[in-house]
């Protein structure tokens, strides 16, 4: 399922690259995560979950209905 098919406010299983702060040199810190949460907001670059996790919208992002 792609980002355009997601309904904000519903629970989904989201897996992909997680934007998790920055390294000391300013480059983004990226990790991989797989969680089931409510999607609160979608921006041009991120899918933001109820817990505050920000998944990067790229080829690694996978979203499934839960």
PDB file of N, CA and C in Angstrom:
ATOM      1  N   UNK A   1       0.860  -1.164   0.000  1.00  0.00           N
ATOM      2  CA  UNK A   1       0.000   0.000   0.000  1.00  0.00           C
ATOM      3  C   UNK A   1       0.905   1.224   0.000  1.00  0.00           C
ATOM      4  N   UNK A   2       0.556   2.229  -0.787  1.00  0.00           N
ATOM      5  CA  UNK A   2       1.389   3.442  -0.805  1.00  0.00           C
ATOM      6  C   UNK A   2       0.790   4.521   0.089  1.00  0.00           C
ATOM      7  N   UNK A   3       1.533   5.588   0.279  1.00  0.00           N
ATOM      8  CA  UNK A   3       1.152   6.648   1.221  1.00  0.00           C
ATOM      9  C   UNK A   3      -0.179   7.294   0.835  1.00  0.00           C
ATOM     10  N   UNK A   4      -0.481   7.378  -0.452  1.00  0.00           N
ATOM     11  CA  UNK A   4      -1.723   8.020  -0.901  1.00  0.00           C
ATOM     12  C   UNK A   4      -2.965   7.220  -0.524  1.00  0.00           C
ATOM     13  N   UNK A   5      -2.812   5.934  -0.231  1.00  0.00           N
ATOM     14  CA  UNK A   5      -3.945   5.077   0.124  1.00  0.00           C
ATOM     15  C   UNK A   5      -4.202   5.018   1.631  1.00  0.00           C
ATOM     16  N   UNK A   6      -3.355   5.650   2.427  1.00  0.00           N
ATOM     17  CA  UNK A   6      -3.448   5.608   3.884  1.00  0.00           C
ATOM     18  C   UNK A   6      -4.509   6.594   4.376  1.00  0.00           C
ATOM     19  N   UNK A   7      -5.272   6.172   5.385  1.00  0.00           N
ATOM     20  CA  UNK A   7      -6.227   7.051   6.046  1.00  0.00           C
ATOM     21  C   UNK A   7      -5.636   7.461   7.390  1.00  0.00           C
ATOM     22  N   UNK A   8      -5.368   8.746   7.551  1.00  0.00           N
ATOM     23  CA  UNK A   8      -4.811   9.258   8.807  1.00  0.00           C
ATOM     24  C   UNK A   8      -5.804   8.978   9.927  1.00  0.00           C
ATOM     25  N   UNK A   9      -5.293   8.500  11.067  1.00  0.00           N
ATOM     26  CA  UNK A   9      -6.137   8.197  12.215  1.00  0.00           C
ATOM     27  C   UNK A   9      -6.425   6.719  12.378  1.00  0.00           C
ATOM     28  N   UNK A  10      -6.057   5.897  11.388  1.00  0.00           N
ATOM     29  CA  UNK A  10      -6.264   4.459  11.492  1.00  0.00           C
ATOM     30  C   UNK A  10      -4.954   3.764  11.841  1.00  0.00           C
ATOM     31  N   UNK A  11      -5.062   2.533  12.341  1.00  0.00           N
ATOM     32  CA  UNK A  11      -3.900   1.740  12.765  1.00  0.00           C
ATOM     33  C   UNK A  11      -3.362   0.942  11.576  1.00  0.00           C
ATOM     34  N   UNK A  12      -2.038   0.995  11.390  1.00  0.00           N
ATOM     35  CA  UNK A  12      -1.356   0.283  10.314  1.00  0.00           C
ATOM     36  C   UNK A  12      -0.089  -0.360  10.845  1.00  0.00           C
ATOM     37  N   UNK A  13       0.386  -1.374  10.137  1.00  0.00           N
ATOM     38  CA  UNK A  13       1.726  -1.917  10.387  1.00  0.00           C
ATOM     39  C   UNK A  13       2.667  -1.175   9.450  1.00  0.00           C
ATOM     40  N   UNK A  14       3.638  -0.483  10.011  1.00  0.00           N
ATOM     41  CA  UNK A  14       4.558   0.347   9.248  1.00  0.00           C
ATOM     42  C   UNK A  14       5.970  -0.186   9.454  1.00  0.00           C
ATOM     43  N   UNK A  15       6.684  -0.364   8.353  1.00  0.00           N
ATOM     44  CA  UNK A  15       8.057  -0.829   8.422  1.00  0.00           C
ATOM     45  C   UNK A  15       8.877  -0.036   7.425  1.00  0.00           C
ATOM     46  N   UNK A  16      10.098   0.313   7.826  1.00  0.00           N
ATOM     47  CA  UNK A  16      10.960   1.070   6.929  1.00  0.00           C
ATOM     48  C   UNK A  16      12.033   1.830   7.671  1.00  0.00           C
ATOM     49  N   UNK A  17      12.572   2.843   6.997  1.00  0.00           N
ATOM     50  CA  UNK A  17      13.649   3.659   7.554  1.00  0.00           C
ATOM     51  C   UNK A  17      13.063   4.716   8.483  1.00  0.00           C
ATOM     52  N   UNK A  18      13.614   4.766   9.668  1.00  0.00           N
ATOM     53  CA  UNK A  18      13.129   5.653  10.713  1.00  0.00           C
ATOM     54  C   UNK A  18      14.118   6.798  10.896  1.00  0.00           C
ATOM     55  N   UNK A  19      13.631   8.023  10.792  1.00  0.00           N
ATOM     56  CA  UNK A  19      14.469   9.193  11.038  1.00  0.00           C
ATOM     57  C   UNK A  19      14.575   9.368  12.545  1.00  0.00           C
ATOM     58  N   UNK A  20      15.803   9.244  13.067  1.00  0.00           N
ATOM     59  CA  UNK A  20      15.988   9.181  14.511  1.00  0.00           C
ATOM     60  C   UNK A  20      17.077  10.156  14.949  1.00  0.00           C
ATOM     61  N   UNK A  21      16.874  11.437  14.725  1.00  0.00           N
ATOM     62  CA  UNK A  21      17.840  12.447  15.137  1.00  0.00           C
ATOM     63  C   UNK A  21      18.959  12.638  14.131  1.00  0.00           C
ATOM     64  N   UNK A  22      20.060  13.206  14.606  1.00  0.00           N
ATOM     65  CA  UNK A  22      21.208  13.493  13.739  1.00  0.00           C
ATOM     66  C   UNK A  22      22.498  13.082  14.416  1.00  0.00           C
ATOM     67  N   UNK A  23      23.486  12.711  13.591  1.00  0.00           N
ATOM     68  CA  UNK A  23      24.838  12.433  14.087  1.00  0.00           C
ATOM     69  C   UNK A  23      25.504  13.766  14.426  1.00  0.00           C
ATOM     70  N   UNK A  24      26.641  13.715  15.090  1.00  0.00           N
ATOM     71  CA  UNK A  24      27.373  14.922  15.487  1.00  0.00           C
ATOM     72  C   UNK A  24      27.767  15.783  14.282  1.00  0.00           C
ATOM     73  N   UNK A  25      27.990  15.144  13.127  1.00  0.00           N
ATOM     74  CA  UNK A  25      28.372  15.912  11.934  1.00  0.00           C
ATOM     75  C   UNK A  25      27.173  16.479  11.179  1.00  0.00           C
ATOM     76  N   UNK A  26      25.960  16.261  11.690  1.00  0.00           N
ATOM     77  CA  UNK A  26      24.765  16.838  11.085  1.00  0.00           C
ATOM     78  C   UNK A  26      24.025  15.921  10.125  1.00  0.00           C
ATOM     79  N   UNK A  27      24.593  14.774   9.781  1.00  0.00           N
ATOM     80  CA  UNK A  27      23.899  13.852   8.884  1.00  0.00           C
ATOM     81  C   UNK A  27      22.785  13.137   9.645  1.00  0.00           C
ATOM     82  N   UNK A  28      21.688  12.829   8.980  1.00  0.00           N
ATOM     83  CA  UNK A  28      20.573  12.182   9.676  1.00  0.00           C
ATOM     84  C   UNK A  28      20.931  10.783  10.165  1.00  0.00           C
ATOM     85  N   UNK A  29      20.405  10.430  11.316  1.00  0.00           N
ATOM     86  CA  UNK A  29      20.583   9.089  11.868  1.00  0.00           C
ATOM     87  C   UNK A  29      19.374   8.270  11.415  1.00  0.00           C
ATOM     88  N   UNK A  30      19.616   7.235  10.634  1.00  0.00           N
ATOM     89  CA  UNK A  30      18.539   6.409  10.085  1.00  0.00           C
ATOM     90  C   UNK A  30      18.666   4.995  10.657  1.00  0.00           C
ATOM     91  N   UNK A  31      17.554   4.466  11.156  1.00  0.00           N
ATOM     92  CA  UNK A  31      17.510   3.079  11.608  1.00  0.00           C
ATOM     93  C   UNK A  31      16.294   2.422  10.961  1.00  0.00           C
ATOM     94  N   UNK A  32      16.142   1.133  11.136  1.00  0.00           N
ATOM     95  CA  UNK A  32      15.010   0.413  10.552  1.00  0.00           C
ATOM     96  C   UNK A  32      14.095  -0.034  11.687  1.00  0.00           C
ATOM     97  N   UNK A  33      12.790   0.079  11.472  1.00  0.00           N
ATOM     98  CA  UNK A  33      11.834  -0.301  12.505  1.00  0.00           C
ATOM     99  C   UNK A  33      10.605  -0.917  11.868  1.00  0.00           C
ATOM    100  N   UNK A  34       9.864  -1.679  12.636  1.00  0.00           N
ATOM    101  CA  UNK A  34       8.633  -2.336  12.185  1.00  0.00           C
ATOM    102  C   UNK A  34       7.662  -2.303  13.366  1.00  0.00           C
ATOM    103  N   UNK A  35       6.603  -1.496  13.271  1.00  0.00           N
ATOM    104  CA  UNK A  35       5.671  -1.313  14.384  1.00  0.00           C
ATOM    105  C   UNK A  35       4.229  -1.278  13.894  1.00  0.00           C
ATOM    106  N   UNK A  36       3.302  -1.447  14.819  1.00  0.00           N
ATOM    107  CA  UNK A  36       1.870  -1.266  14.560  1.00  0.00           C
ATOM    108  C   UNK A  36       1.431  -0.071  15.383  1.00  0.00           C
ATOM    109  N   UNK A  37       1.023   0.999  14.717  1.00  0.00           N
ATOM    110  CA  UNK A  37       0.614   2.232  15.393  1.00  0.00           C
ATOM    111  C   UNK A  37      -0.422   2.976  14.536  1.00  0.00           C
ATOM    112  N   UNK A  38      -1.033   3.991  15.145  1.00  0.00           N
ATOM    113  CA  UNK A  38      -1.942   4.889  14.431  1.00  0.00           C
ATOM    114  C   UNK A  38      -1.111   5.948  13.701  1.00  0.00           C
ATOM    115  N   UNK A  39      -1.453   6.189  12.446  1.00  0.00           N
ATOM    116  CA  UNK A  39      -0.768   7.236  11.677  1.00  0.00           C
ATOM    117  C   UNK A  39      -1.443   8.560  11.994  1.00  0.00           C
ATOM    118  N   UNK A  40      -0.660   9.523  12.480  1.00  0.00           N
ATOM    119  CA  UNK A  40      -1.189  10.823  12.885  1.00  0.00           C
ATOM    120  C   UNK A  40      -1.076  11.876  11.795  1.00  0.00           C
ATOM    121  N   UNK A  41       0.002  11.814  10.983  1.00  0.00           N
ATOM    122  CA  UNK A  41       0.212  12.861   9.988  1.00  0.00           C
ATOM    123  C   UNK A  41       1.111  12.344   8.880  1.00  0.00           C
ATOM    124  N   UNK A  42       0.954  12.902   7.687  1.00  0.00           N
ATOM    125  CA  UNK A  42       1.815  12.569   6.558  1.00  0.00           C
ATOM    126  C   UNK A  42       2.310  13.866   5.950  1.00  0.00           C
ATOM    127  N   UNK A  43       3.636  13.996   5.810  1.00  0.00           N
ATOM    128  CA  UNK A  43       4.237  15.160   5.159  1.00  0.00           C
ATOM    129  C   UNK A  43       4.827  14.710   3.825  1.00  0.00           C
ATOM    130  N   UNK A  44       5.495  15.606   3.132  1.00  0.00           N
ATOM    131  CA  UNK A  44       6.141  15.253   1.871  1.00  0.00           C
ATOM    132  C   UNK A  44       7.263  14.240   2.066  1.00  0.00           C
ATOM    133  N   UNK A  45       7.905  14.248   3.236  1.00  0.00           N
ATOM    134  CA  UNK A  45       9.077  13.410   3.459  1.00  0.00           C
ATOM    135  C   UNK A  45       8.874  12.297   4.488  1.00  0.00           C
ATOM    136  N   UNK A  46       7.849  12.407   5.367  1.00  0.00           N
ATOM    137  CA  UNK A  46       7.708  11.471   6.481  1.00  0.00           C
ATOM    138  C   UNK A  46       6.268  11.038   6.716  1.00  0.00           C
ATOM    139  N   UNK A  47       6.124   9.838   7.279  1.00  0.00           N
ATOM    140  CA  UNK A  47       4.869   9.360   7.849  1.00  0.00           C
ATOM    141  C   UNK A  47       5.075   9.408   9.358  1.00  0.00           C
ATOM    142  N   UNK A  48       4.260  10.175  10.068  1.00  0.00           N
ATOM    143  CA  UNK A  48       4.441  10.394  11.500  1.00  0.00           C
ATOM    144  C   UNK A  48       3.371   9.605  12.264  1.00  0.00           C
ATOM    145  N   UNK A  49       3.834   8.801  13.227  1.00  0.00           N
ATOM    146  CA  UNK A  49       2.942   7.933  13.990  1.00  0.00           C
ATOM    147  C   UNK A  49       2.539   8.569  15.310  1.00  0.00           C
ATOM    148  N   UNK A  50       1.566   7.955  16.001  1.00  0.00           N
ATOM    149  CA  UNK A  50       1.045   8.467  17.269  1.00  0.00           C
ATOM    150  C   UNK A  50       2.124   8.569  18.340  1.00  0.00           C
ATOM    151  N   UNK A  51       3.138   7.732  18.249  1.00  0.00           N
ATOM    152  CA  UNK A  51       4.204   7.711  19.257  1.00  0.00           C
ATOM    153  C   UNK A  51       5.317   8.701  18.935  1.00  0.00           C
ATOM    154  N   UNK A  52       5.233   9.383  17.792  1.00  0.00           N
ATOM    155  CA  UNK A  52       6.240  10.363  17.411  1.00  0.00           C
ATOM    156  C   UNK A  52       7.278   9.851  16.435  1.00  0.00           C
ATOM    157  N   UNK A  53       7.277   8.539  16.159  1.00  0.00           N
ATOM    158  CA  UNK A  53       8.228   8.014  15.178  1.00  0.00           C
ATOM    159  C   UNK A  53       7.958   8.639  13.812  1.00  0.00           C
ATOM    160  N   UNK A  54       9.050   8.934  13.108  1.00  0.00           N
ATOM    161  CA  UNK A  54       8.944   9.551  11.781  1.00  0.00           C
ATOM    162  C   UNK A  54       9.597   8.627  10.756  1.00  0.00           C
ATOM    163  N   UNK A  55       8.778   7.927   9.972  1.00  0.00           N
ATOM    164  CA  UNK A  55       9.279   7.037   8.939  1.00  0.00           C
ATOM    165  C   UNK A  55       9.515   7.832   7.658  1.00  0.00           C
ATOM    166  N   UNK A  56      10.674   7.611   7.052  1.00  0.00           N
ATOM    167  CA  UNK A  56      11.047   8.288   5.819  1.00  0.00           C
ATOM    168  C   UNK A  56      10.258   7.673   4.663  1.00  0.00           C
ATOM    169  N   UNK A  57       9.672   8.519   3.810  1.00  0.00           N
ATOM    170  CA  UNK A  57       8.964   8.033   2.632  1.00  0.00           C
ATOM    171  C   UNK A  57      10.009   7.763   1.553  1.00  0.00           C
ATOM    172  N   UNK A  58      10.306   6.472   1.347  1.00  0.00           N
ATOM    173  CA  UNK A  58      11.235   6.042   0.313  1.00  0.00           C
ATOM    174  C   UNK A  58      10.853   4.624  -0.124  1.00  0.00           C
ATOM    175  N   UNK A  59      11.727   3.978  -0.895  1.00  0.00           N
ATOM    176  CA  UNK A  59      11.409   2.630  -1.409  1.00  0.00           C
ATOM    177  C   UNK A  59      11.347   1.572  -0.319  1.00  0.00           C
ATOM    178  N   UNK A  60      11.937   1.815   0.845  1.00  0.00           N
ATOM    179  CA  UNK A  60      11.932   0.831   1.933  1.00  0.00           C
ATOM    180  C   UNK A  60      10.650   0.872   2.765  1.00  0.00           C
ATOM    181  N   UNK A  61       9.822   1.900   2.599  1.00  0.00           N
ATOM    182  CA  UNK A  61       8.610   2.050   3.399  1.00  0.00           C
ATOM    183  C   UNK A  61       7.547   1.058   2.962  1.00  0.00           C
ATOM    184  N   UNK A  62       7.041   0.295   3.940  1.00  0.00           N
ATOM    185  CA  UNK A  62       5.951  -0.649   3.685  1.00  0.00           C
ATOM    186  C   UNK A  62       4.852  -0.386   4.700  1.00  0.00           C
ATOM    187  N   UNK A  63       3.620  -0.249   4.208  1.00  0.00           N
ATOM    188  CA  UNK A  63       2.467   0.024   5.071  1.00  0.00           C
ATOM    189  C   UNK A  63       1.403  -1.028   4.766  1.00  0.00           C
ATOM    190  N   UNK A  64       0.895  -1.662   5.828  1.00  0.00           N
ATOM    191  CA  UNK A  64      -0.151  -2.671   5.683  1.00  0.00           C
ATOM    192  C   UNK A  64      -1.291  -2.365   6.635  1.00  0.00           C
ATOM    193  N   UNK A  65      -2.527  -2.642   6.223  1.00  0.00           N
ATOM    194  CA  UNK A  65      -3.663  -2.490   7.128  1.00  0.00           C
ATOM    195  C   UNK A  65      -3.504  -3.490   8.249  1.00  0.00           C
ATOM    196  N   UNK A  66      -3.918  -3.085   9.453  1.00  0.00           N
ATOM    197  CA  UNK A  66      -3.825  -3.967  10.616  1.00  0.00           C
ATOM    198  C   UNK A  66      -5.199  -4.287  11.128  1.00  0.00           C
TER     199      UNK A  66
END
